[in-house]
Amino acid sequence: MSNVAEQANAIASYYEGLGKGIFRAIACKACGKHTFPPTGCCEHCGSWEVEPQDLSGEATLLFATHNISPACHPRFEKIAPYVYGHMRLKEGPIVQAIVLGVEPTPHDLKRLFERGPVPVKAETLQMDDLPVLAFRILN
């Protein structure tokens, strides 16, 4: 299979899994690290020797902020305003996604910041055109 076909398969598999609440990555056979979302090759060492792997969905929220209005893409207009942030997945990669369980107000974001890194769990938001990754704050 060509590298382009592998890339297309990785993307299709990611969205197919995301639609079912499954969070797919690739695990590199050469360096052992994960690439998320998946691509055709390892983002760390460039190896094409990778295999699909489902992730736990467990992560730590490192940073959160609110979006600006209007939303960055029409698919997000229905949920705007919203919070998004950077999460470190249990398996290692850092990803950006929507954060659920906190209001996009200065007061709530300040309280979240004061808590420090907080545990979150991955969820899928079904938008009109495709599923979107989100993380919910755990208490």
Protein backbone atom coordinates (compact mmCIF):
# COMPACT_ATOMS: atom_id res chain seq x y z
CA MET A 1 0.00 0.00 0.00
CA SER A 2 1.33 3.46 -0.84
CA ASN A 3 2.09 6.07 1.83
CA VAL A 4 -0.75 8.25 0.51
CA ALA A 5 -3.18 5.34 0.83
CA GLU A 6 -1.91 4.61 4.36
CA GLN A 7 -2.48 8.25 5.29
CA ALA A 8 -6.02 8.19 3.88
CA ASN A 9 -6.76 4.94 5.76
CA ALA A 10 -5.45 6.42 9.02
CA ILE A 11 -7.67 9.49 8.66
CA ALA A 12 -10.75 7.45 7.71
CA SER A 13 -10.13 5.08 10.63
CA TYR A 14 -9.76 8.02 13.03
CA TYR A 15 -13.12 9.57 12.08
CA GLU A 16 -14.85 6.19 11.93
CA GLY A 17 -13.65 5.42 15.45
CA LEU A 18 -14.38 8.90 16.74
CA GLY A 19 -17.98 8.56 15.56
CA LYS A 20 -18.24 5.46 17.79
CA GLY A 21 -16.46 7.01 20.78
CA ILE A 22 -13.21 5.19 20.04
CA PHE A 23 -10.03 7.28 20.09
CA ARG A 24 -7.54 5.87 17.60
CA ALA A 25 -3.86 6.65 17.27
CA ILE A 26 -0.89 4.90 15.75
CA ALA A 27 1.88 3.27 17.77
CA CYS A 28 5.35 3.31 16.27
CA LYS A 29 7.15 -0.02 16.10
CA ALA A 30 10.51 1.77 15.82
CA CYS A 31 10.41 4.26 18.72
CA GLY A 32 7.35 3.10 20.67
CA LYS A 33 5.64 6.51 20.74
CA HIS A 34 2.08 7.39 19.78
CA THR A 35 0.88 9.77 17.10
CA PHE A 36 -2.58 11.26 17.66
CA PRO A 37 -4.56 11.88 15.63
CA PRO A 38 -3.13 9.11 13.47
CA THR A 39 -1.19 9.70 10.29
CA GLY A 40 0.61 7.36 7.94
CA CYS A 41 3.94 7.64 9.75
CA CYS A 42 5.33 8.36 13.21
CA GLU A 43 5.45 12.08 14.00
CA HIS A 44 8.42 11.49 16.32
CA CYS A 45 10.89 9.47 14.23
CA GLY A 46 9.29 9.39 10.76
CA SER A 47 9.03 5.60 10.60
CA TRP A 48 6.33 4.07 8.42
CA GLU A 49 6.36 0.97 10.65
CA VAL A 50 3.25 1.87 12.64
CA GLU A 51 0.12 0.08 13.77
CA PRO A 52 -3.31 1.34 14.81
CA GLN A 53 -3.97 1.51 18.52
CA ASP A 54 -7.02 2.58 20.51
CA LEU A 55 -6.33 5.04 23.32
CA SER A 56 -7.83 5.18 26.80
CA GLY A 57 -9.33 8.65 26.38
CA GLU A 58 -7.78 9.64 29.71
CA ALA A 59 -5.88 12.91 29.75
CA THR A 60 -4.80 15.91 31.80
CA LEU A 61 -5.96 19.40 30.89
CA LEU A 62 -2.87 21.63 30.84
CA PHE A 63 -4.30 24.90 29.54
CA ALA A 64 -7.73 26.25 28.67
CA THR A 65 -9.12 29.40 27.09
CA HIS A 66 -12.27 30.48 25.28
CA ASN A 67 -12.90 30.84 21.58
CA ILE A 68 -13.42 34.13 19.88
CA SER A 69 -16.63 35.03 18.16
CA PRO A 70 -17.51 34.14 15.49
CA ALA A 71 -16.49 30.52 15.69
CA CYS A 72 -13.40 29.46 13.73
CA HIS A 73 -15.45 27.18 11.46
CA PRO A 74 -19.19 27.07 10.67
CA ARG A 75 -19.49 23.60 12.27
CA PHE A 76 -18.77 25.20 15.67
CA GLU A 77 -21.27 28.06 15.47
CA LYS A 78 -24.01 26.03 17.24
CA ILE A 79 -21.86 25.44 20.32
CA ALA A 80 -20.08 28.81 20.49
CA PRO A 81 -18.90 30.26 22.73
CA TYR A 82 -16.92 27.33 24.09
CA VAL A 83 -13.71 26.48 25.91
CA TYR A 84 -10.81 24.73 24.24
CA GLY A 85 -7.49 23.64 25.59
CA HIS A 86 -4.38 21.51 25.45
CA MET A 87 -4.55 18.02 26.91
CA ARG A 88 -1.74 15.56 27.55
CA LEU A 89 -3.07 12.10 26.75
CA LYS A 90 -2.25 9.29 29.17
CA GLU A 91 -0.34 7.71 26.29
CA GLY A 92 1.83 10.82 25.82
CA PRO A 93 0.72 13.08 22.94
CA ILE A 94 -0.53 16.59 23.59
CA VAL A 95 -3.70 17.49 21.66
CA GLN A 96 -5.96 20.50 21.31
CA ALA A 97 -9.70 20.06 21.64
CA ILE A 98 -12.92 21.48 23.01
CA VAL A 99 -13.25 21.33 26.79
CA LEU A 100 -16.63 20.45 28.30
CA GLY A 101 -17.74 21.08 31.86
CA VAL A 102 -16.60 24.69 32.21
CA GLU A 103 -18.30 27.86 31.05
CA PRO A 104 -16.35 30.24 28.78
CA THR A 105 -16.42 33.09 31.32
CA PRO A 106 -13.42 34.84 32.87
CA HIS A 107 -14.58 33.76 36.35
CA ASP A 108 -14.90 30.06 35.48
CA LEU A 109 -11.66 30.01 33.50
CA LYS A 110 -9.84 31.66 36.42
CA ARG A 111 -11.20 29.03 38.82
CA LEU A 112 -10.09 26.29 36.42
CA PHE A 113 -6.61 27.84 36.15
CA GLU A 114 -6.31 27.99 39.94
CA ARG A 115 -7.07 24.25 40.17
CA GLY A 116 -3.96 23.52 38.13
CA PRO A 117 -3.76 20.54 35.77
CA VAL A 118 -7.04 18.62 35.98
CA PRO A 119 -8.10 15.17 34.79
CA VAL A 120 -10.32 14.99 31.70
CA LYS A 121 -11.92 12.23 29.66
CA ALA A 122 -12.37 12.17 25.89
CA GLU A 123 -15.83 12.39 24.34
CA THR A 124 -17.20 12.76 20.85
CA LEU A 125 -19.33 15.71 19.79
CA GLN A 126 -21.39 14.85 16.73
CA MET A 127 -21.49 17.93 14.53
CA ASP A 128 -23.58 18.29 11.37
CA ASP A 129 -20.76 17.12 9.10
CA LEU A 130 -18.38 14.99 11.19
CA PRO A 131 -17.54 13.94 14.74
CA VAL A 132 -15.29 16.23 16.78
CA LEU A 133 -13.00 15.37 19.69
CA ALA A 134 -13.79 16.96 23.05
CA PHE A 135 -12.71 16.37 26.65
CA ARG A 136 -14.89 16.60 29.75
CA ILE A 137 -13.47 17.83 33.05
CA LEU A 138 -13.65 15.20 35.78
CA ASN A 139 -14.37 16.37 39.30
